[in-house]
Amino acid sequence: MELLAQLLPFIFLIAIMYFVIIRPQQQQAKRHQEMITNLQKGDKIVTNGGLIVEIKKVENAFFLVKISDEMTAKLDKQSVARKYEDEA
């Protein structure tokens, strides 16, 4: 009984950390992965570097993106920060 009384505060702290820190991070990572999976040709995205680019081709681990009218590049899928939505 005495051991349980000593461990109870630690168990309580671990539970709080799980629900406040770990679980929300896991849910956010899952939503980000779903967003990347659902991207398709023609979508505009924002890279982790802050560039707004348009997807020209979807590959297994990369996107072929259009940076400007004359320039395209390959972008790693994990470098996508978010989908760009025009505010206008």
N, C-alpha and C. Protein backbone atom coordinates (compact mmCIF):
# COMPACT_ATOMS: atom_id res chain seq x y z
N MET A 1 0.82 -1.21 0.00
CA MET A 1 0.00 0.00 0.00
C MET A 1 0.87 1.27 0.00
N GLU A 2 1.96 1.19 0.76
CA GLU A 2 2.85 2.32 0.85
C GLU A 2 3.55 2.57 -0.49
N LEU A 3 3.89 1.51 -1.20
CA LEU A 3 4.52 1.62 -2.51
C LEU A 3 3.57 2.28 -3.51
N LEU A 4 2.32 1.89 -3.48
CA LEU A 4 1.31 2.47 -4.36
C LEU A 4 1.15 3.97 -4.09
N ALA A 5 1.18 4.35 -2.83
CA ALA A 5 1.05 5.76 -2.47
C ALA A 5 2.24 6.57 -2.98
N GLN A 6 3.43 5.95 -3.03
CA GLN A 6 4.60 6.66 -3.53
C GLN A 6 4.60 6.75 -5.05
N LEU A 7 4.07 5.74 -5.73
CA LEU A 7 4.07 5.72 -7.19
C LEU A 7 2.92 6.51 -7.81
N LEU A 8 1.87 6.73 -7.07
CA LEU A 8 0.69 7.40 -7.60
C LEU A 8 0.98 8.78 -8.19
N PRO A 9 1.78 9.65 -7.55
CA PRO A 9 2.08 10.95 -8.18
C PRO A 9 2.82 10.81 -9.52
N PHE A 10 3.73 9.85 -9.62
CA PHE A 10 4.46 9.64 -10.88
C PHE A 10 3.53 9.14 -11.97
N ILE A 11 2.64 8.24 -11.63
CA ILE A 11 1.67 7.74 -12.60
C ILE A 11 0.77 8.88 -13.07
N PHE A 12 0.37 9.73 -12.15
CA PHE A 12 -0.47 10.88 -12.47
C PHE A 12 0.27 11.84 -13.42
N LEU A 13 1.55 12.12 -13.16
CA LEU A 13 2.34 13.00 -14.02
C LEU A 13 2.52 12.40 -15.42
N ILE A 14 2.76 11.11 -15.50
CA ILE A 14 2.92 10.46 -16.80
C ILE A 14 1.61 10.54 -17.59
N ALA A 15 0.49 10.35 -16.93
CA ALA A 15 -0.81 10.45 -17.60
C ALA A 15 -1.05 11.87 -18.12
N ILE A 16 -0.71 12.87 -17.33
CA ILE A 16 -0.88 14.26 -17.75
C ILE A 16 0.01 14.55 -18.96
N MET A 17 1.27 14.10 -18.91
CA MET A 17 2.19 14.33 -20.04
C MET A 17 1.65 13.66 -21.31
N TYR A 18 1.09 12.47 -21.16
CA TYR A 18 0.56 11.78 -22.34
C TYR A 18 -0.57 12.58 -22.98
N PHE A 19 -1.53 13.02 -22.18
CA PHE A 19 -2.69 13.71 -22.74
C PHE A 19 -2.40 15.15 -23.15
N VAL A 20 -1.39 15.78 -22.60
CA VAL A 20 -1.09 17.17 -22.92
C VAL A 20 -0.03 17.30 -24.01
N ILE A 21 0.94 16.38 -24.04
CA ILE A 21 2.06 16.53 -24.97
C ILE A 21 2.09 15.44 -26.04
N ILE A 22 2.15 14.21 -25.64
CA ILE A 22 2.41 13.11 -26.58
C ILE A 22 1.24 12.87 -27.53
N ARG A 23 0.05 12.75 -27.03
CA ARG A 23 -1.11 12.45 -27.87
C ARG A 23 -1.40 13.53 -28.90
N PRO A 24 -1.39 14.82 -28.53
CA PRO A 24 -1.61 15.85 -29.56
C PRO A 24 -0.55 15.84 -30.65
N GLN A 25 0.72 15.57 -30.30
CA GLN A 25 1.76 15.50 -31.31
C GLN A 25 1.52 14.34 -32.26
N GLN A 26 1.10 13.20 -31.75
CA GLN A 26 0.81 12.05 -32.60
C GLN A 26 -0.36 12.35 -33.54
N GLN A 27 -1.38 13.01 -33.04
CA GLN A 27 -2.54 13.35 -33.88
C GLN A 27 -2.15 14.35 -34.96
N GLN A 28 -1.31 15.33 -34.62
CA GLN A 28 -0.88 16.31 -35.61
C GLN A 28 -0.03 15.64 -36.69
N ALA A 29 0.86 14.74 -36.30
CA ALA A 29 1.69 14.02 -37.27
C ALA A 29 0.82 13.17 -38.19
N LYS A 30 -0.22 12.56 -37.65
CA LYS A 30 -1.13 11.75 -38.46
C LYS A 30 -1.88 12.62 -39.47
N ARG A 31 -2.38 13.79 -39.03
CA ARG A 31 -3.07 14.71 -39.94
C ARG A 31 -2.14 15.21 -41.04
N HIS A 32 -0.88 15.51 -40.70
CA HIS A 32 0.10 15.99 -41.68
C HIS A 32 0.37 14.90 -42.71
N GLN A 33 0.53 13.65 -42.26
CA GLN A 33 0.79 12.55 -43.19
C GLN A 33 -0.41 12.33 -44.11
N GLU A 34 -1.62 12.43 -43.59
CA GLU A 34 -2.82 12.29 -44.43
C GLU A 34 -2.89 13.41 -45.46
N MET A 35 -2.53 14.63 -45.06
CA MET A 35 -2.53 15.76 -45.98
C MET A 35 -1.54 15.52 -47.11
N ILE A 36 -0.35 15.04 -46.78
CA ILE A 36 0.66 14.77 -47.80
C ILE A 36 0.18 13.67 -48.75
N THR A 37 -0.45 12.64 -48.21
CA THR A 37 -0.96 11.54 -49.02
C THR A 37 -2.05 12.01 -49.99
N ASN A 38 -2.86 12.96 -49.58
CA ASN A 38 -3.98 13.42 -50.40
C ASN A 38 -3.61 14.52 -51.40
N LEU A 39 -2.37 14.99 -51.38
CA LEU A 39 -1.95 16.02 -52.35
C LEU A 39 -1.91 15.42 -53.75
N GLN A 40 -2.26 16.24 -54.74
CA GLN A 40 -2.26 15.78 -56.11
C GLN A 40 -1.79 16.89 -57.05
N LYS A 41 -1.63 16.53 -58.30
CA LYS A 41 -1.15 17.46 -59.31
C LYS A 41 -2.03 18.71 -59.33
N GLY A 42 -1.39 19.87 -59.38
CA GLY A 42 -2.11 21.14 -59.43
C GLY A 42 -2.29 21.81 -58.08
N ASP A 43 -2.10 21.07 -56.98
CA ASP A 43 -2.21 21.66 -55.64
C ASP A 43 -1.02 22.57 -55.38
N LYS A 44 -1.27 23.65 -54.66
CA LYS A 44 -0.19 24.55 -54.25
C LYS A 44 0.16 24.21 -52.80
N ILE A 45 1.46 24.17 -52.51
CA ILE A 45 1.92 23.84 -51.18
C ILE A 45 2.95 24.86 -50.71
N VAL A 46 3.14 24.91 -49.40
CA VAL A 46 4.17 25.73 -48.79
C VAL A 46 5.23 24.77 -48.27
N THR A 47 6.49 25.00 -48.66
CA THR A 47 7.57 24.15 -48.20
C THR A 47 8.03 24.59 -46.82
N ASN A 48 8.84 23.75 -46.17
CA ASN A 48 9.42 24.13 -44.87
C ASN A 48 10.31 25.35 -45.00
N GLY A 49 10.83 25.61 -46.20
CA GLY A 49 11.65 26.79 -46.44
C GLY A 49 10.84 28.04 -46.73
N GLY A 50 9.51 27.90 -46.84
CA GLY A 50 8.65 29.06 -47.06
C GLY A 50 8.30 29.33 -48.50
N LEU A 51 8.73 28.48 -49.43
CA LEU A 51 8.38 28.67 -50.83
C LEU A 51 6.97 28.18 -51.11
N ILE A 52 6.26 28.90 -51.95
CA ILE A 52 4.95 28.46 -52.41
C ILE A 52 5.14 27.91 -53.81
N VAL A 53 4.88 26.61 -53.98
CA VAL A 53 5.12 25.95 -55.26
C VAL A 53 3.88 25.16 -55.66
N GLU A 54 3.82 24.80 -56.94
CA GLU A 54 2.71 24.02 -57.47
C GLU A 54 3.20 22.62 -57.82
N ILE A 55 2.44 21.61 -57.44
CA ILE A 55 2.81 20.23 -57.73
C ILE A 55 2.53 19.92 -59.19
N LYS A 56 3.54 19.41 -59.89
CA LYS A 56 3.39 19.01 -61.29
C LYS A 56 3.27 17.50 -61.44
N LYS A 57 3.91 16.73 -60.54
CA LYS A 57 3.87 15.27 -60.62
C LYS A 57 4.07 14.70 -59.22
N VAL A 58 3.32 13.66 -58.90
CA VAL A 58 3.45 12.99 -57.61
C VAL A 58 4.22 11.69 -57.82
N GLU A 59 5.30 11.51 -57.07
CA GLU A 59 6.09 10.28 -57.11
C GLU A 59 6.03 9.63 -55.73
N ASN A 60 6.72 8.50 -55.58
CA ASN A 60 6.67 7.78 -54.30
C ASN A 60 7.16 8.61 -53.13
N ALA A 61 8.37 9.13 -53.22
CA ALA A 61 8.96 9.86 -52.10
C ALA A 61 9.14 11.35 -52.39
N PHE A 62 8.84 11.75 -53.63
CA PHE A 62 9.08 13.14 -54.03
C PHE A 62 7.89 13.71 -54.78
N PHE A 63 7.88 15.05 -54.84
CA PHE A 63 6.98 15.78 -55.72
C PHE A 63 7.85 16.49 -56.75
N LEU A 64 7.42 16.51 -58.00
CA LEU A 64 8.02 17.38 -58.99
C LEU A 64 7.21 18.66 -58.92
N VAL A 65 7.86 19.76 -58.57
CA VAL A 65 7.14 21.01 -58.33
C VAL A 65 7.59 22.09 -59.29
N LYS A 66 6.68 22.99 -59.58
CA LYS A 66 6.95 24.14 -60.44
C LYS A 66 7.21 25.33 -59.54
N ILE A 67 8.43 25.86 -59.64
CA ILE A 67 8.80 27.03 -58.83
C ILE A 67 8.44 28.31 -59.56
N SER A 68 8.73 28.35 -60.86
CA SER A 68 8.35 29.48 -61.70
C SER A 68 7.99 28.91 -63.08
N ASP A 69 7.69 29.76 -64.04
CA ASP A 69 7.30 29.28 -65.37
C ASP A 69 8.40 28.46 -66.02
N GLU A 70 9.65 28.79 -65.74
CA GLU A 70 10.77 28.09 -66.40
C GLU A 70 11.46 27.08 -65.50
N MET A 71 11.14 27.02 -64.22
CA MET A 71 11.92 26.21 -63.30
C MET A 71 11.07 25.18 -62.57
N THR A 72 11.53 23.92 -62.60
CA THR A 72 10.91 22.86 -61.81
C THR A 72 11.99 22.23 -60.94
N ALA A 73 11.57 21.56 -59.87
CA ALA A 73 12.52 20.91 -58.97
C ALA A 73 11.83 19.73 -58.31
N LYS A 74 12.65 18.83 -57.78
CA LYS A 74 12.12 17.71 -57.00
C LYS A 74 12.12 18.12 -55.53
N LEU A 75 11.03 17.81 -54.85
CA LEU A 75 10.88 18.17 -53.45
C LEU A 75 10.54 16.91 -52.66
N ASP A 76 11.28 16.67 -51.60
CA ASP A 76 11.00 15.54 -50.72
C ASP A 76 9.63 15.75 -50.06
N LYS A 77 8.84 14.69 -49.98
CA LYS A 77 7.49 14.82 -49.42
C LYS A 77 7.51 15.30 -47.96
N GLN A 78 8.57 14.97 -47.24
CA GLN A 78 8.64 15.40 -45.84
C GLN A 78 8.99 16.88 -45.69
N SER A 79 9.30 17.56 -46.80
CA SER A 79 9.61 18.99 -46.77
C SER A 79 8.38 19.86 -46.95
N VAL A 80 7.22 19.25 -47.04
CA VAL A 80 5.97 20.00 -47.20
C VAL A 80 5.48 20.45 -45.83
N ALA A 81 5.30 21.75 -45.68
CA ALA A 81 4.80 22.28 -44.40
C ALA A 81 3.27 22.22 -44.35
N ARG A 82 2.63 22.68 -45.42
CA ARG A 82 1.17 22.69 -45.45
C ARG A 82 0.68 22.94 -46.86
N LYS A 83 -0.60 22.71 -47.07
CA LYS A 83 -1.24 23.02 -48.35
C LYS A 83 -1.54 24.51 -48.37
N TYR A 84 -1.27 25.15 -49.49
CA TYR A 84 -1.49 26.59 -49.61
C TYR A 84 -2.91 26.85 -50.05
N GLU A 85 -3.60 27.66 -49.28
CA GLU A 85 -4.96 28.07 -49.61
C GLU A 85 -4.93 29.57 -49.88
N ASP A 86 -5.38 29.96 -51.06
CA ASP A 86 -5.40 31.40 -51.38
C ASP A 86 -6.34 32.13 -50.42
N GLU A 87 -5.85 33.21 -49.85
CA GLU A 87 -6.68 34.00 -48.93
C GLU A 87 -7.59 34.97 -49.70
N ALA A 88 -7.29 35.17 -50.98
CA ALA A 88 -8.06 36.12 -51.78
C ALA A 88 -9.41 35.59 -52.16
